[in-house]
Amino acid sequence: MIRINFQPYTRLQLETIVRARLTSAKESLDGDSIDMIEDKAITMASMKVSGISGDARRVLDICR
């Protein structure tokens, strides 16, 4: 069995992932919708997670 190690996500990559998920969630809602999470909150969560683990699942859980 071969183990493949991946590099942790950077802050910018994590922000991009969260914003993409929020965009797809907005598109699935009917009518006008407001921003669910402020930009500063996304940036802060991404900074914290990228400094610790770089795991996209963790930043998505925090934003959830």
N, C-alpha and C. Protein backbone atom coordinates (compact mmCIF):
# COMPACT_ATOMS: atom_id res chain seq x y z
N MET A 1 0.84 -1.17 0.00
CA MET A 1 0.00 0.00 0.00
C MET A 1 0.89 1.24 0.00
N ILE A 2 0.58 2.17 -0.87
CA ILE A 2 1.36 3.40 -0.98
C ILE A 2 0.56 4.53 -0.33
N ARG A 3 1.23 5.26 0.53
CA ARG A 3 0.58 6.39 1.20
C ARG A 3 0.99 7.67 0.50
N ILE A 4 -0.01 8.49 0.17
CA ILE A 4 0.24 9.76 -0.50
C ILE A 4 -0.04 10.89 0.49
N ASN A 5 0.95 11.72 0.73
CA ASN A 5 0.79 12.85 1.63
C ASN A 5 0.52 14.11 0.81
N PHE A 6 -0.51 14.82 1.17
CA PHE A 6 -0.87 16.05 0.49
C PHE A 6 -0.47 17.24 1.34
N GLN A 7 -0.13 18.33 0.69
CA GLN A 7 0.18 19.56 1.40
C GLN A 7 -1.10 20.15 2.00
N PRO A 8 -1.02 20.77 3.17
CA PRO A 8 -2.22 21.40 3.75
C PRO A 8 -2.63 22.59 2.90
N TYR A 9 -3.92 22.90 2.96
CA TYR A 9 -4.43 24.05 2.22
C TYR A 9 -3.92 25.35 2.84
N THR A 10 -3.71 26.35 2.00
CA THR A 10 -3.32 27.68 2.48
C THR A 10 -4.58 28.46 2.84
N ARG A 11 -4.37 29.62 3.45
CA ARG A 11 -5.50 30.47 3.83
C ARG A 11 -6.34 30.86 2.62
N LEU A 12 -5.68 31.26 1.54
CA LEU A 12 -6.41 31.68 0.35
C LEU A 12 -7.20 30.52 -0.28
N GLN A 13 -6.62 29.34 -0.27
CA GLN A 13 -7.32 28.18 -0.81
C GLN A 13 -8.54 27.84 0.04
N LEU A 14 -8.40 27.92 1.36
CA LEU A 14 -9.53 27.64 2.24
C LEU A 14 -10.64 28.67 2.06
N GLU A 15 -10.26 29.94 1.92
CA GLU A 15 -11.27 30.98 1.67
C GLU A 15 -12.01 30.71 0.37
N THR A 16 -11.29 30.30 -0.65
CA THR A 16 -11.91 30.01 -1.95
C THR A 16 -12.90 28.86 -1.82
N ILE A 17 -12.54 27.85 -1.07
CA ILE A 17 -13.42 26.69 -0.88
C ILE A 17 -14.71 27.10 -0.17
N VAL A 18 -14.58 27.88 0.91
CA VAL A 18 -15.76 28.31 1.67
C VAL A 18 -16.65 29.19 0.81
N ARG A 19 -16.05 30.14 0.09
CA ARG A 19 -16.86 31.05 -0.75
C ARG A 19 -17.57 30.28 -1.87
N ALA A 20 -16.93 29.28 -2.42
CA ALA A 20 -17.57 28.47 -3.46
C ALA A 20 -18.76 27.71 -2.89
N ARG A 21 -18.61 27.16 -1.69
CA ARG A 21 -19.73 26.45 -1.06
C ARG A 21 -20.88 27.40 -0.76
N LEU A 22 -20.56 28.60 -0.28
CA LEU A 22 -21.61 29.58 0.02
C LEU A 22 -22.34 30.04 -1.25
N THR A 23 -21.58 30.20 -2.32
CA THR A 23 -22.19 30.59 -3.59
C THR A 23 -23.15 29.53 -4.09
N SER A 24 -22.75 28.28 -4.00
CA SER A 24 -23.65 27.21 -4.46
C SER A 24 -24.88 27.10 -3.56
N ALA A 25 -24.71 27.38 -2.26
CA ALA A 25 -25.86 27.35 -1.35
C ALA A 25 -26.82 28.49 -1.66
N LYS A 26 -26.28 29.67 -1.98
CA LYS A 26 -27.12 30.81 -2.32
C LYS A 26 -27.92 30.54 -3.59
N GLU A 27 -27.27 29.91 -4.57
CA GLU A 27 -27.94 29.64 -5.84
C GLU A 27 -29.09 28.65 -5.67
N SER A 28 -28.99 27.78 -4.69
CA SER A 28 -30.04 26.79 -4.50
C SER A 28 -31.24 27.36 -3.74
N LEU A 29 -31.07 28.53 -3.10
CA LEU A 29 -32.17 29.17 -2.38
C LEU A 29 -33.07 29.92 -3.36
N ASP A 30 -34.35 29.99 -3.04
CA ASP A 30 -35.28 30.73 -3.88
C ASP A 30 -35.28 32.20 -3.48
N GLY A 31 -35.41 33.07 -4.45
CA GLY A 31 -35.52 34.50 -4.18
C GLY A 31 -34.20 35.13 -3.78
N ASP A 32 -34.32 36.35 -3.24
CA ASP A 32 -33.13 37.09 -2.82
C ASP A 32 -32.64 36.55 -1.49
N SER A 33 -31.35 36.48 -1.36
CA SER A 33 -30.78 36.03 -0.10
C SER A 33 -29.66 36.98 0.31
N ILE A 34 -29.47 37.11 1.58
CA ILE A 34 -28.40 37.96 2.10
C ILE A 34 -27.16 37.09 2.34
N ASP A 35 -26.05 37.77 2.58
CA ASP A 35 -24.82 37.03 2.88
C ASP A 35 -25.00 36.26 4.18
N MET A 36 -24.63 35.00 4.16
CA MET A 36 -24.80 34.15 5.33
C MET A 36 -23.70 34.38 6.36
N ILE A 37 -22.49 34.62 5.89
CA ILE A 37 -21.34 34.82 6.76
C ILE A 37 -20.57 36.04 6.25
N GLU A 38 -20.12 36.87 7.17
CA GLU A 38 -19.34 38.04 6.78
C GLU A 38 -17.96 37.62 6.26
N ASP A 39 -17.41 38.45 5.38
CA ASP A 39 -16.10 38.15 4.80
C ASP A 39 -15.01 38.04 5.86
N LYS A 40 -15.08 38.88 6.89
CA LYS A 40 -14.07 38.84 7.95
C LYS A 40 -14.10 37.51 8.70
N ALA A 41 -15.29 36.96 8.88
CA ALA A 41 -15.42 35.68 9.58
C ALA A 41 -14.80 34.55 8.76
N ILE A 42 -15.01 34.59 7.46
CA ILE A 42 -14.42 33.57 6.58
C ILE A 42 -12.90 33.66 6.63
N THR A 43 -12.39 34.89 6.56
CA THR A 43 -10.94 35.09 6.59
C THR A 43 -10.35 34.62 7.91
N MET A 44 -11.02 34.96 9.01
CA MET A 44 -10.50 34.57 10.32
C MET A 44 -10.49 33.05 10.50
N ALA A 45 -11.59 32.40 10.12
CA ALA A 45 -11.65 30.94 10.24
C ALA A 45 -10.58 30.29 9.36
N SER A 46 -10.39 30.80 8.16
CA SER A 46 -9.38 30.25 7.25
C SER A 46 -7.97 30.43 7.80
N MET A 47 -7.71 31.58 8.42
CA MET A 47 -6.39 31.82 9.00
C MET A 47 -6.11 30.86 10.14
N LYS A 48 -7.09 30.67 11.01
CA LYS A 48 -6.90 29.77 12.16
C LYS A 48 -6.65 28.34 11.71
N VAL A 49 -7.47 27.87 10.79
CA VAL A 49 -7.36 26.48 10.35
C VAL A 49 -6.08 26.25 9.55
N SER A 50 -5.71 27.20 8.70
CA SER A 50 -4.49 27.01 7.90
C SER A 50 -3.25 26.99 8.79
N GLY A 51 -3.30 27.70 9.91
CA GLY A 51 -2.17 27.70 10.83
C GLY A 51 -2.04 26.42 11.63
N ILE A 52 -3.17 25.73 11.82
CA ILE A 52 -3.15 24.51 12.64
C ILE A 52 -3.03 23.25 11.78
N SER A 53 -4.00 23.07 10.87
CA SER A 53 -4.02 21.80 10.13
C SER A 53 -4.13 21.96 8.62
N GLY A 54 -4.78 23.02 8.17
CA GLY A 54 -4.98 23.19 6.73
C GLY A 54 -6.04 22.27 6.18
N ASP A 55 -6.91 21.77 7.05
CA ASP A 55 -7.96 20.82 6.66
C ASP A 55 -9.23 21.56 6.26
N ALA A 56 -9.67 21.37 5.03
CA ALA A 56 -10.85 22.07 4.52
C ALA A 56 -12.11 21.65 5.27
N ARG A 57 -12.17 20.40 5.71
CA ARG A 57 -13.36 19.95 6.45
C ARG A 57 -13.53 20.72 7.75
N ARG A 58 -12.43 21.03 8.39
CA ARG A 58 -12.50 21.75 9.66
C ARG A 58 -13.02 23.17 9.46
N VAL A 59 -12.53 23.89 8.46
CA VAL A 59 -13.00 25.26 8.24
C VAL A 59 -14.48 25.27 7.82
N LEU A 60 -14.90 24.27 7.07
CA LEU A 60 -16.32 24.19 6.70
C LEU A 60 -17.18 23.91 7.92
N ASP A 61 -16.70 23.08 8.84
CA ASP A 61 -17.43 22.82 10.08
C ASP A 61 -17.54 24.09 10.92
N ILE A 62 -16.49 24.85 11.00
CA ILE A 62 -16.51 26.10 11.77
C ILE A 62 -17.53 27.06 11.16
N CYS A 63 -17.53 27.18 9.86
CA CYS A 63 -18.47 28.10 9.20
C CYS A 63 -19.91 27.59 9.28
N ARG A 64 -20.08 26.32 9.40
CA ARG A 64 -21.41 25.74 9.52
C ARG A 64 -22.01 26.14 10.84
